[in-house]
C-alpha atoms as a PDB file:
ATOM      1  CA  MET A   1      -7.504  14.629 -31.778  1.00  0.00           C
ATOM      2  CA  ASN A   2      -4.514  13.427 -29.738  1.00  0.00           C
ATOM      3  CA  TYR A   3      -2.411  10.353 -30.405  1.00  0.00           C
ATOM      4  CA  LEU A   4      -4.005   8.189 -27.669  1.00  0.00           C
ATOM      5  CA  THR A   5      -7.568   8.878 -28.879  1.00  0.00           C
ATOM      6  CA  ARG A   6      -6.647   8.121 -32.492  1.00  0.00           C
ATOM      7  CA  ARG A   7      -5.019   4.835 -31.567  1.00  0.00           C
ATOM      8  CA  VAL A   8      -7.909   3.720 -29.312  1.00  0.00           C
ATOM      9  CA  LEU A   9     -10.519   4.554 -31.992  1.00  0.00           C
ATOM     10  CA  ALA A  10      -8.491   2.699 -34.615  1.00  0.00           C
ATOM     11  CA  THR A  11      -8.236  -0.348 -32.323  1.00  0.00           C
ATOM     12  CA  VAL A  12     -12.002  -0.386 -31.701  1.00  0.00           C
ATOM     13  CA  GLY A  13     -12.687  -0.060 -35.453  1.00  0.00           C
ATOM     14  CA  VAL A  14     -10.372  -2.935 -36.314  1.00  0.00           C
ATOM     15  CA  LEU A  15     -11.872  -5.099 -33.560  1.00  0.00           C
ATOM     16  CA  TRP A  16     -15.361  -4.473 -34.938  1.00  0.00           C
ATOM     17  CA  GLY A  17     -14.179  -5.493 -38.410  1.00  0.00           C
ATOM     18  CA  VAL A  18     -12.579  -8.614 -36.951  1.00  0.00           C
ATOM     19  CA  SER A  19     -15.839  -9.519 -35.182  1.00  0.00           C
ATOM     20  CA  ILE A  20     -17.707  -9.388 -38.523  1.00  0.00           C
ATOM     21  CA  ALA A  21     -15.065 -11.519 -40.247  1.00  0.00           C
ATOM     22  CA  VAL A  22     -14.949 -14.068 -37.391  1.00  0.00           C
ATOM     23  CA  PHE A  23     -18.725 -14.414 -37.275  1.00  0.00           C
ATOM     24  CA  ALA A  24     -19.079 -14.735 -41.066  1.00  0.00           C
ATOM     25  CA  LEU A  25     -16.210 -17.210 -41.530  1.00  0.00           C
ATOM     26  CA  ILE A  26     -17.305 -19.490 -38.688  1.00  0.00           C
ATOM     27  CA  HIS A  27     -20.854 -19.641 -40.056  1.00  0.00           C
ATOM     28  CA  LEU A  28     -19.498 -20.552 -43.509  1.00  0.00           C
ATOM     29  CA  VAL A  29     -17.945 -23.726 -42.079  1.00  0.00           C
ATOM     30  CA  PRO A  30     -19.973 -26.705 -43.362  1.00  0.00           C
ATOM     31  CA  GLY A  31     -21.875 -28.844 -40.851  1.00  0.00           C
ATOM     32  CA  ASP A  32     -24.801 -28.357 -38.483  1.00  0.00           C
ATOM     33  CA  PRO A  33     -23.552 -27.633 -34.946  1.00  0.00           C
ATOM     34  CA  VAL A  34     -26.958 -28.326 -33.358  1.00  0.00           C
ATOM     35  CA  ARG A  35     -27.183 -31.752 -35.036  1.00  0.00           C
ATOM     36  CA  LEU A  36     -23.634 -32.492 -33.901  1.00  0.00           C
ATOM     37  CA  ALA A  37     -24.321 -31.329 -30.333  1.00  0.00           C
ATOM     38  CA  LEU A  38     -27.367 -33.590 -30.021  1.00  0.00           C
ATOM     39  CA  GLY A  39     -25.608 -36.670 -31.385  1.00  0.00           C
ATOM     40  CA  THR A  40     -27.576 -39.797 -30.540  1.00  0.00           C
ATOM     41  CA  ARG A  41     -30.085 -37.717 -28.528  1.00  0.00           C
ATOM     42  CA  PHE A  42     -31.473 -36.285 -31.785  1.00  0.00           C
ATOM     43  CA  ASP A  43     -35.192 -35.845 -32.284  1.00  0.00           C
ATOM     44  CA  GLN A  44     -36.884 -33.148 -34.353  1.00  0.00           C
ATOM     45  CA  GLY A  45     -38.550 -31.383 -31.418  1.00  0.00           C
ATOM     46  CA  THR A  46     -35.335 -31.087 -29.392  1.00  0.00           C
ATOM     47  CA  TYR A  47     -33.477 -30.048 -32.538  1.00  0.00           C
ATOM     48  CA  ASP A  48     -35.939 -27.217 -33.310  1.00  0.00           C
ATOM     49  CA  ALA A  49     -35.979 -26.066 -29.683  1.00  0.00           C
ATOM     50  CA  LEU A  50     -32.171 -25.917 -29.459  1.00  0.00           C
ATOM     51  CA  ARG A  51     -31.912 -24.027 -32.772  1.00  0.00           C
ATOM     52  CA  ALA A  52     -34.427 -21.474 -31.519  1.00  0.00           C
ATOM     53  CA  GLU A  53     -32.715 -21.209 -28.133  1.00  0.00           C
ATOM     54  CA  SER A  54     -29.306 -20.639 -29.707  1.00  0.00           C
ATOM     55  CA  GLY A  55     -30.722 -18.155 -32.258  1.00  0.00           C
ATOM     56  CA  LEU A  56     -29.595 -20.195 -35.282  1.00  0.00           C
ATOM     57  CA  ASP A  57     -33.090 -20.051 -36.826  1.00  0.00           C
ATOM     58  CA  ARG A  58     -32.792 -16.279 -37.332  1.00  0.00           C
ATOM     59  CA  PRO A  59     -31.348 -14.455 -40.376  1.00  0.00           C
ATOM     60  CA  LEU A  60     -27.543 -14.229 -40.270  1.00  0.00           C
ATOM     61  CA  VAL A  61     -27.474 -10.419 -39.842  1.00  0.00           C
ATOM     62  CA  SER A  62     -29.884 -10.636 -36.924  1.00  0.00           C
ATOM     63  CA  GLN A  63     -27.751 -13.404 -35.370  1.00  0.00           C
ATOM     64  CA  TYR A  64     -24.629 -11.209 -35.695  1.00  0.00           C
ATOM     65  CA  PHE A  65     -26.079  -8.134 -33.987  1.00  0.00           C
ATOM     66  CA  HIS A  66     -27.641 -10.300 -31.273  1.00  0.00           C
ATOM     67  CA  TRP A  67     -24.265 -11.992 -30.656  1.00  0.00           C
ATOM     68  CA  LEU A  68     -22.354  -8.683 -30.795  1.00  0.00           C
ATOM     69  CA  GLY A  69     -24.748  -6.979 -28.383  1.00  0.00           C
ATOM     70  CA  ASN A  70     -24.356  -9.793 -25.885  1.00  0.00           C
ATOM     71  CA  ALA A  71     -20.577  -9.992 -26.419  1.00  0.00           C
ATOM     72  CA  VAL A  72     -20.173  -6.301 -25.515  1.00  0.00           C
ATOM     73  CA  THR A  73     -21.748  -7.060 -22.128  1.00  0.00           C
ATOM     74  CA  GLY A  74     -19.537 -10.130 -21.628  1.00  0.00           C
ATOM     75  CA  ASP A  75     -22.174 -12.705 -22.605  1.00  0.00           C
ATOM     76  CA  LEU A  76     -20.600 -14.901 -25.314  1.00  0.00           C
ATOM     77  CA  GLY A  77     -23.380 -17.485 -25.318  1.00  0.00           C
ATOM     78  CA  VAL A  78     -23.475 -21.092 -24.140  1.00  0.00           C
ATOM     79  CA  SER A  79     -21.227 -23.939 -25.242  1.00  0.00           C
ATOM     80  CA  PHE A  80     -23.011 -26.528 -27.408  1.00  0.00           C
ATOM     81  CA  ARG A  81     -20.769 -29.235 -26.016  1.00  0.00           C
ATOM     82  CA  SER A  82     -20.687 -28.613 -22.264  1.00  0.00           C
ATOM     83  CA  GLU A  83     -23.726 -26.273 -22.012  1.00  0.00           C
ATOM     84  CA  ASP A  84     -21.627 -23.970 -19.773  1.00  0.00           C
ATOM     85  CA  PRO A  85     -21.365 -20.203 -20.413  1.00  0.00           C
ATOM     86  CA  VAL A  86     -18.637 -19.541 -22.976  1.00  0.00           C
ATOM     87  CA  ALA A  87     -17.123 -16.785 -20.821  1.00  0.00           C
ATOM     88  CA  ASP A  88     -16.665 -19.313 -17.994  1.00  0.00           C
ATOM     89  CA  VAL A  89     -15.155 -21.920 -20.330  1.00  0.00           C
ATOM     90  CA  ILE A  90     -12.631 -19.368 -21.639  1.00  0.00           C
ATOM     91  CA  ALA A  91     -11.901 -17.949 -18.182  1.00  0.00           C
ATOM     92  CA  GLU A  92     -11.097 -21.466 -16.962  1.00  0.00           C
ATOM     93  CA  ARG A  93      -8.426 -21.925 -19.664  1.00  0.00           C
ATOM     94  CA  LEU A  94      -7.051 -18.358 -19.700  1.00  0.00           C
ATOM     95  CA  PRO A  95      -4.656 -18.654 -16.692  1.00  0.00           C
ATOM     96  CA  ALA A  96      -2.847 -21.587 -18.312  1.00  0.00           C
ATOM     97  CA  THR A  97      -2.190 -19.657 -21.526  1.00  0.00           C
ATOM     98  CA  VAL A  98      -1.256 -16.409 -19.747  1.00  0.00           C
ATOM     99  CA  SER A  99       1.208 -18.181 -17.446  1.00  0.00           C
ATOM    100  CA  LEU A 100       2.818 -19.974 -20.397  1.00  0.00           C
ATOM    101  CA  ALA A 101       3.036 -16.765 -22.475  1.00  0.00           C
ATOM    102  CA  VAL A 102       4.565 -14.687 -19.658  1.00  0.00           C
ATOM    103  CA  ALA A 103       7.071 -17.406 -18.729  1.00  0.00           C
ATOM    104  CA  ALA A 104       8.051 -17.871 -22.378  1.00  0.00           C
ATOM    105  CA  ILE A 105       8.599 -14.125 -22.881  1.00  0.00           C
ATOM    106  CA  VAL A 106      10.768 -13.998 -19.750  1.00  0.00           C
ATOM    107  CA  VAL A 107      12.865 -16.897 -21.115  1.00  0.00           C
ATOM    108  CA  ALA A 108      13.067 -15.162 -24.509  1.00  0.00           C
ATOM    109  CA  LEU A 109      14.250 -11.859 -22.980  1.00  0.00           C
ATOM    110  CA  LEU A 110      16.805 -13.616 -20.761  1.00  0.00           C
ATOM    111  CA  ILE A 111      18.268 -15.187 -23.907  1.00  0.00           C
ATOM    112  CA  SER A 112      17.940 -12.393 -26.439  1.00  0.00           C
ATOM    113  CA  VAL A 113      18.930  -9.174 -24.608  1.00  0.00           C
ATOM    114  CA  PRO A 114      22.388 -10.237 -23.326  1.00  0.00           C
ATOM    115  CA  LEU A 115      23.142 -12.339 -26.417  1.00  0.00           C
ATOM    116  CA  GLY A 116      22.016  -9.650 -28.903  1.00  0.00           C
ATOM    117  CA  LEU A 117      23.878  -6.847 -27.081  1.00  0.00           C
ATOM    118  CA  ALA A 118      27.064  -8.878 -26.673  1.00  0.00           C
ATOM    119  CA  SER A 119      26.894  -9.813 -30.330  1.00  0.00           C
ATOM    120  CA  ALA A 120      26.450  -6.161 -31.405  1.00  0.00           C
ATOM    121  CA  LEU A 121      29.306  -4.929 -29.172  1.00  0.00           C
ATOM    122  CA  ARG A 122      31.731  -7.406 -30.789  1.00  0.00           C
ATOM    123  CA  PRO A 123      30.620  -7.738 -34.423  1.00  0.00           C
ATOM    124  CA  ARG A 124      32.285 -10.452 -36.504  1.00  0.00           C
ATOM    125  CA  SER A 125      33.881 -11.952 -33.375  1.00  0.00           C
ATOM    126  CA  ILE A 126      33.606 -15.632 -32.420  1.00  0.00           C
ATOM    127  CA  LEU A 127      30.859 -14.695 -29.949  1.00  0.00           C
ATOM    128  CA  ASP A 128      28.940 -12.861 -32.676  1.00  0.00           C
ATOM    129  CA  ARG A 129      29.203 -15.782 -35.086  1.00  0.00           C
ATOM    130  CA  ALA A 130      28.167 -18.270 -32.397  1.00  0.00           C
ATOM    131  CA  ALA A 131      25.181 -16.113 -31.420  1.00  0.00           C
ATOM    132  CA  THR A 132      24.118 -15.790 -35.069  1.00  0.00           C
ATOM    133  CA  LEU A 133      24.396 -19.563 -35.512  1.00  0.00           C
ATOM    134  CA  VAL A 134      22.376 -20.277 -32.366  1.00  0.00           C
ATOM    135  CA  SER A 135      19.652 -17.774 -33.272  1.00  0.00           C
ATOM    136  CA  GLN A 136      19.471 -19.135 -36.824  1.00  0.00           C
ATOM    137  CA  PHE A 137      19.063 -22.651 -35.412  1.00  0.00           C
ATOM    138  CA  GLY A 138      16.296 -21.471 -33.066  1.00  0.00           C
ATOM    139  CA  ILE A 139      14.421 -19.749 -35.893  1.00  0.00           C
ATOM    140  CA  SER A 140      14.758 -22.718 -38.255  1.00  0.00           C
ATOM    141  CA  VAL A 141      13.558 -25.580 -36.055  1.00  0.00           C
ATOM    142  CA  PRO A 142       9.823 -25.996 -35.399  1.00  0.00           C
ATOM    143  CA  ASP A 143       8.715 -25.570 -31.796  1.00  0.00           C
ATOM    144  CA  PHE A 144       7.004 -28.986 -31.663  1.00  0.00           C
ATOM    145  CA  TRP A 145      10.338 -30.639 -32.545  1.00  0.00           C
ATOM    146  CA  LEU A 146      12.078 -28.774 -29.717  1.00  0.00           C
ATOM    147  CA  GLY A 147       9.229 -29.791 -27.431  1.00  0.00           C
ATOM    148  CA  ILE A 148       9.557 -33.471 -28.292  1.00  0.00           C
ATOM    149  CA  LEU A 149      13.353 -33.233 -27.823  1.00  0.00           C
ATOM    150  CA  ALA A 150      12.864 -31.615 -24.411  1.00  0.00           C
ATOM    151  CA  ILE A 151      10.442 -34.367 -23.393  1.00  0.00           C
ATOM    152  CA  LEU A 152      12.838 -37.110 -24.504  1.00  0.00           C
ATOM    153  CA  ILE A 153      15.892 -35.643 -22.742  1.00  0.00           C
ATOM    154  CA  LEU A 154      14.727 -33.564 -19.767  1.00  0.00           C
ATOM    155  CA  ALA A 155      11.624 -35.590 -18.932  1.00  0.00           C
ATOM    156  CA  GLY A 156      12.422 -39.065 -20.267  1.00  0.00           C
ATOM    157  CA  SER A 157      16.188 -39.656 -19.839  1.00  0.00           C
ATOM    158  CA  LEU A 158      16.921 -37.284 -16.929  1.00  0.00           C
ATOM    159  CA  GLY A 159      13.467 -37.277 -15.317  1.00  0.00           C
ATOM    160  CA  TRP A 160      13.853 -33.668 -14.143  1.00  0.00           C
ATOM    161  CA  PHE A 161      10.417 -32.470 -15.247  1.00  0.00           C
ATOM    162  CA  PRO A 162       7.029 -34.037 -16.078  1.00  0.00           C
ATOM    163  CA  ALA A 163       6.476 -34.758 -19.759  1.00  0.00           C
ATOM    164  CA  GLY A 164       3.102 -33.006 -19.887  1.00  0.00           C
ATOM    165  CA  GLY A 165      -0.042 -31.931 -18.125  1.00  0.00           C
ATOM    166  CA  TYR A 166      -1.156 -28.824 -16.286  1.00  0.00           C
ATOM    167  CA  VAL A 167      -1.651 -28.106 -12.569  1.00  0.00           C
ATOM    168  CA  PRO A 168      -3.291 -24.790 -11.532  1.00  0.00           C
ATOM    169  CA  LEU A 169      -1.052 -22.399  -9.583  1.00  0.00           C
ATOM    170  CA  THR A 170      -3.610 -22.138  -6.797  1.00  0.00           C
ATOM    171  CA  GLU A 171      -3.683 -25.931  -6.355  1.00  0.00           C
ATOM    172  CA  ASP A 172       0.045 -26.638  -6.018  1.00  0.00           C
ATOM    173  CA  PRO A 173       2.586 -23.864  -6.905  1.00  0.00           C
ATOM    174  CA  LEU A 174       5.595 -26.212  -7.026  1.00  0.00           C
ATOM    175  CA  ARG A 175       3.926 -28.749  -9.334  1.00  0.00           C
ATOM    176  CA  TRP A 176       2.606 -25.863 -11.473  1.00  0.00           C
ATOM    177  CA  LEU A 177       6.178 -24.582 -11.890  1.00  0.00           C
ATOM    178  CA  ARG A 178       7.572 -28.034 -12.738  1.00  0.00           C
ATOM    179  CA  HIS A 179       4.895 -28.538 -15.416  1.00  0.00           C
ATOM    180  CA  LEU A 180       5.531 -25.040 -16.784  1.00  0.00           C
ATOM    181  CA  VAL A 181       9.300 -25.333 -17.326  1.00  0.00           C
ATOM    182  CA  LEU A 182       9.398 -27.498 -20.474  1.00  0.00           C
ATOM    183  CA  PRO A 183       6.676 -25.735 -22.521  1.00  0.00           C
ATOM    184  CA  ALA A 184       8.024 -22.300 -21.467  1.00  0.00           C
ATOM    185  CA  LEU A 185      11.561 -23.288 -22.483  1.00  0.00           C
ATOM    186  CA  THR A 186      10.323 -24.657 -25.802  1.00  0.00           C
ATOM    187  CA  VAL A 187       8.408 -21.522 -26.757  1.00  0.00           C
ATOM    188  CA  GLY A 188      10.919 -19.163 -25.126  1.00  0.00           C
ATOM    189  CA  VAL A 189      13.911 -20.540 -27.036  1.00  0.00           C
ATOM    190  CA  VAL A 190      12.153 -20.047 -30.390  1.00  0.00           C
ATOM    191  CA  SER A 191      10.969 -16.537 -29.485  1.00  0.00           C
ATOM    192  CA  GLY A 192      14.387 -15.729 -28.013  1.00  0.00           C
ATOM    193  CA  ALA A 193      16.077 -16.693 -31.272  1.00  0.00           C
ATOM    194  CA  VAL A 194      13.857 -14.267 -33.197  1.00  0.00           C
ATOM    195  CA  LEU A 195      14.377 -11.470 -30.670  1.00  0.00           C
ATOM    196  CA  THR A 196      18.168 -11.938 -30.609  1.00  0.00           C
ATOM    197  CA  ARG A 197      18.375 -10.990 -34.294  1.00  0.00           C
ATOM    198  CA  PHE A 198      16.322  -7.834 -33.716  1.00  0.00           C
ATOM    199  CA  VAL A 199      18.240  -6.801 -30.568  1.00  0.00           C
ATOM    200  CA  ARG A 200      21.553  -7.217 -32.402  1.00  0.00           C
ATOM    201  CA  ALA A 201      20.417  -5.233 -35.462  1.00  0.00           C
ATOM    202  CA  ALA A 202      18.870  -2.445 -33.371  1.00  0.00           C
ATOM    203  CA  ALA A 203      21.916  -2.199 -31.076  1.00  0.00           C
ATOM    204  CA  LEU A 204      24.312  -2.079 -34.043  1.00  0.00           C
ATOM    205  CA  GLU A 205      22.342   0.822 -35.524  1.00  0.00           C
ATOM    206  CA  VAL A 206      22.296   2.737 -32.230  1.00  0.00           C
ATOM    207  CA  LEU A 207      26.015   2.124 -31.616  1.00  0.00           C
ATOM    208  CA  SER A 208      26.852   3.766 -34.949  1.00  0.00           C
ATOM    209  CA  GLU A 209      24.959   6.979 -34.151  1.00  0.00           C
ATOM    210  CA  ASP A 210      26.660  10.278 -33.313  1.00  0.00           C
ATOM    211  CA  HIS A 211      25.369  10.632 -29.756  1.00  0.00           C
ATOM    212  CA  VAL A 212      26.976   7.300 -28.777  1.00  0.00           C
ATOM    213  CA  ARG A 213      30.315   8.312 -30.311  1.00  0.00           C
ATOM    214  CA  THR A 214      30.058  11.648 -28.473  1.00  0.00           C
ATOM    215  CA  ALA A 215      29.354   9.894 -25.174  1.00  0.00           C
ATOM    216  CA  ARG A 216      32.414   7.690 -25.643  1.00  0.00           C
ATOM    217  CA  ALA A 217      34.552  10.709 -26.645  1.00  0.00           C
ATOM    218  CA  LYS A 218      33.513  12.441 -23.408  1.00  0.00           C
ATOM    219  CA  GLY A 219      35.150   9.577 -21.496  1.00  0.00           C
ATOM    220  CA  LEU A 220      32.047   7.819 -20.203  1.00  0.00           C
ATOM    221  CA  SER A 221      32.586   4.182 -19.344  1.00  0.00           C
ATOM    222  CA  GLU A 222      31.226   1.526 -21.713  1.00  0.00           C
ATOM    223  CA  ALA A 223      28.701   0.383 -19.091  1.00  0.00           C
ATOM    224  CA  VAL A 224      27.310   3.916 -18.737  1.00  0.00           C
ATOM    225  CA  VAL A 225      27.155   4.398 -22.507  1.00  0.00           C
ATOM    226  CA  ILE A 226      25.220   1.162 -22.912  1.00  0.00           C
ATOM    227  CA  ARG A 227      22.860   1.858 -20.025  1.00  0.00           C
ATOM    228  CA  ARG A 228      22.113   5.503 -20.861  1.00  0.00           C
ATOM    229  CA  HIS A 229      22.376   5.674 -24.624  1.00  0.00           C
ATOM    230  CA  VAL A 230      22.091   2.207 -26.145  1.00  0.00           C
ATOM    231  CA  LEU A 231      19.509   0.239 -24.163  1.00  0.00           C
ATOM    232  CA  ARG A 232      16.682   2.783 -24.321  1.00  0.00           C
ATOM    233  CA  ASN A 233      17.116   3.533 -28.039  1.00  0.00           C
ATOM    234  CA  THR A 234      17.457  -0.163 -28.829  1.00  0.00           C
ATOM    235  CA  ALA A 235      14.184  -0.843 -27.021  1.00  0.00           C
ATOM    236  CA  VAL A 236      12.114   1.226 -29.465  1.00  0.00           C
ATOM    237  CA  PRO A 237      12.314  -1.089 -32.540  1.00  0.00           C
ATOM    238  CA  VAL A 238      12.635  -4.260 -30.422  1.00  0.00           C
ATOM    239  CA  LEU A 239       9.439  -3.425 -28.539  1.00  0.00           C
ATOM    240  CA  THR A 240       7.355  -4.061 -31.638  1.00  0.00           C
ATOM    241  CA  VAL A 241       8.716  -7.581 -32.025  1.00  0.00           C
ATOM    242  CA  ILE A 242       8.224  -8.306 -28.307  1.00  0.00           C
ATOM    243  CA  GLY A 243       4.610  -7.142 -28.620  1.00  0.00           C
ATOM    244  CA  ILE A 244       3.965  -9.357 -31.640  1.00  0.00           C
ATOM    245  CA  GLN A 245       5.568 -12.350 -29.917  1.00  0.00           C
ATOM    246  CA  LEU A 246       3.566 -11.792 -26.723  1.00  0.00           C
ATOM    247  CA  ALA A 247       0.305 -11.378 -28.636  1.00  0.00           C
ATOM    248  CA  TYR A 248       1.082 -14.563 -30.574  1.00  0.00           C
ATOM    249  CA  LEU A 249       1.705 -16.468 -27.352  1.00  0.00           C
ATOM    250  CA  LEU A 250      -1.395 -15.096 -25.633  1.00  0.00           C
ATOM    251  CA  SER A 251      -3.421 -16.095 -28.673  1.00  0.00           C
ATOM    252  CA  GLY A 252      -2.727 -19.719 -27.822  1.00  0.00           C
ATOM    253  CA  VAL A 253       0.296 -21.723 -28.864  1.00  0.00           C
ATOM    254  CA  VAL A 254      -1.757 -24.562 -30.257  1.00  0.00           C
ATOM    255  CA  VAL A 255       0.973 -27.022 -31.229  1.00  0.00           C
ATOM    256  CA  VAL A 256       2.999 -26.637 -28.034  1.00  0.00           C
ATOM    257  CA  GLU A 257      -0.138 -26.913 -25.904  1.00  0.00           C
ATOM    258  CA  ILE A 258      -0.999 -30.177 -27.654  1.00  0.00           C
ATOM    259  CA  VAL A 259       2.553 -31.577 -27.330  1.00  0.00           C
ATOM    260  CA  PHE A 260       2.604 -30.898 -23.570  1.00  0.00           C
ATOM    261  CA  SER A 261      -1.134 -31.501 -22.927  1.00  0.00           C
ATOM    262  CA  TRP A 262      -1.239 -27.904 -21.681  1.00  0.00           C
ATOM    263  CA  ASN A 263      -4.830 -27.031 -20.861  1.00  0.00           C
ATOM    264  CA  GLY A 264      -4.854 -23.577 -22.490  1.00  0.00           C
ATOM    265  CA  LEU A 265      -6.830 -21.543 -25.012  1.00  0.00           C
ATOM    266  CA  GLY A 266      -5.060 -22.993 -28.044  1.00  0.00           C
ATOM    267  CA  GLN A 267      -6.148 -26.493 -27.138  1.00  0.00           C
ATOM    268  CA  LEU A 268      -9.659 -25.212 -26.373  1.00  0.00           C
ATOM    269  CA  ALA A 269      -9.917 -23.599 -29.827  1.00  0.00           C
ATOM    270  CA  LEU A 270      -8.817 -26.834 -31.507  1.00  0.00           C
ATOM    271  CA  GLN A 271     -11.332 -28.904 -29.521  1.00  0.00           C
ATOM    272  CA  SER A 272     -14.069 -26.410 -30.439  1.00  0.00           C
ATOM    273  CA  VAL A 273     -13.250 -26.718 -34.140  1.00  0.00           C
ATOM    274  CA  GLN A 274     -13.398 -30.511 -33.937  1.00  0.00           C
ATOM    275  CA  ALA A 275     -16.739 -30.391 -32.074  1.00  0.00           C
ATOM    276  CA  ARG A 276     -18.091 -27.487 -34.189  1.00  0.00           C
ATOM    277  CA  ASP A 277     -18.809 -25.688 -30.933  1.00  0.00           C
ATOM    278  CA  TYR A 278     -19.473 -22.317 -32.626  1.00  0.00           C
ATOM    279  CA  PRO A 279     -20.079 -20.181 -29.516  1.00  0.00           C
ATOM    280  CA  VAL A 280     -16.807 -21.233 -27.862  1.00  0.00           C
ATOM    281  CA  LEU A 281     -14.850 -20.926 -31.103  1.00  0.00           C
ATOM    282  CA  GLN A 282     -16.276 -17.458 -31.789  1.00  0.00           C
ATOM    283  CA  GLY A 283     -15.505 -16.336 -28.242  1.00  0.00           C
ATOM    284  CA  ALA A 284     -11.960 -17.715 -28.348  1.00  0.00           C
ATOM    285  CA  VAL A 285     -11.120 -16.173 -31.736  1.00  0.00           C
ATOM    286  CA  LEU A 286     -12.610 -12.824 -30.717  1.00  0.00           C
ATOM    287  CA  LEU A 287     -10.507 -12.919 -27.550  1.00  0.00           C
ATOM    288  CA  PHE A 288      -7.381 -13.754 -29.584  1.00  0.00           C
ATOM    289  CA  ALA A 289      -8.046 -10.745 -31.846  1.00  0.00           C
ATOM    290  CA  ALA A 290      -8.744  -8.449 -28.897  1.00  0.00           C
ATOM    291  CA  VAL A 291      -5.543  -9.554 -27.137  1.00  0.00           C
ATOM    292  CA  PHE A 292      -3.514  -8.985 -30.299  1.00  0.00           C
ATOM    293  CA  LEU A 293      -4.957  -5.493 -30.825  1.00  0.00           C
ATOM    294  CA  VAL A 294      -4.652  -4.431 -27.178  1.00  0.00           C
ATOM    295  CA  VAL A 295      -1.034  -5.613 -26.973  1.00  0.00           C
ATOM    296  CA  ASN A 296      -0.230  -3.677 -30.151  1.00  0.00           C
ATOM    297  CA  LEU A 297      -1.986  -0.605 -28.740  1.00  0.00           C
ATOM    298  CA  VAL A 298       0.115  -0.830 -25.561  1.00  0.00           C
ATOM    299  CA  VAL A 299       3.261  -1.231 -27.667  1.00  0.00           C
ATOM    300  CA  ASP A 300       2.374   1.875 -29.709  1.00  0.00           C
ATOM    301  CA  LEU A 301       1.827   3.881 -26.528  1.00  0.00           C
ATOM    302  CA  LEU A 302       5.148   2.675 -25.108  1.00  0.00           C
ATOM    303  CA  TYR A 303       6.706   3.630 -28.427  1.00  0.00           C
ATOM    304  CA  ALA A 304       5.404   7.171 -28.053  1.00  0.00           C
ATOM    305  CA  TRP A 305       6.662   7.285 -24.458  1.00  0.00           C
ATOM    306  CA  LEU A 306      10.145   6.148 -25.444  1.00  0.00           C
ATOM    307  CA  ASP A 307      10.280   8.457 -28.478  1.00  0.00           C
ATOM    308  CA  PRO A 308       7.814  11.403 -28.135  1.00  0.00           C
ATOM    309  CA  ARG A 309       8.339  12.363 -31.793  1.00  0.00           C
ATOM    310  CA  ILE A 310       6.187   9.360 -32.784  1.00  0.00           C
ATOM    311  CA  SER A 311       3.053  10.819 -31.147  1.00  0.00           C
ATOM    312  CA  LEU A 312       3.359  13.918 -33.342  1.00  0.00           C
ATOM    313  CA  THR A 313       3.211  12.032 -36.647  1.00  0.00           C
END
């Protein structure tokens, strides 16, 4: 069995296990979602009909396999709160979270790659110490604090960007970009601080290896040595951290989305918990798990591409 098949089968197995855990844990949460969904419209006949329609009157095992069978075909049920299909509710919020995650990763890479490499090329210099201090600061401060600071300065005092809200890209690209800048900077700075430490450590390790010393001894310029021998080998360990950061961001940055009123999946998951909207919450958490596993699978495959020895282990 080749490396790709093993990794795909392992990902499917883990996702199945996650689906069981998600379903069981959500159904252990106290409270009756049907009673909550009806609110003041409650009467016993409507209550019984809605329980039967949503399948909540069946045994738990039967409910799980019914839900799983539908989920495989893309049917995640109907929201108790809005009565819309869960897949549509999630699809409506997904672009906001994806755009924020991609923008934040771009900001993080723009910060971490040059800063981490420069720091590794001049260890114990003033630049290295300043970069270490900045990255330590970024790791230590919570993202909601940075978000509030950005709102106070860049939105409040300077008025450069809106303090919150979300505008779809298809509606107005310029307003979408202006609303995206502050949350992307907030998340990107924190992720960039984490990545800077890993880029520096990985680059330092590569720079001390024999093939880099040999390349320098052959008279290759420093730019060529870095491009040919340092960047690619540094990417292997750093790729794992980038994958984890991206999966974390795609799974919904709940706090940042709340601070900036960003209409993404994190905010949707929180609203579903508050409303005990089980179908939406189950769908969102399953999507988070699937995103995390798929991103890690892609990272593993990139790993094997960058270093073919990995696929043989």
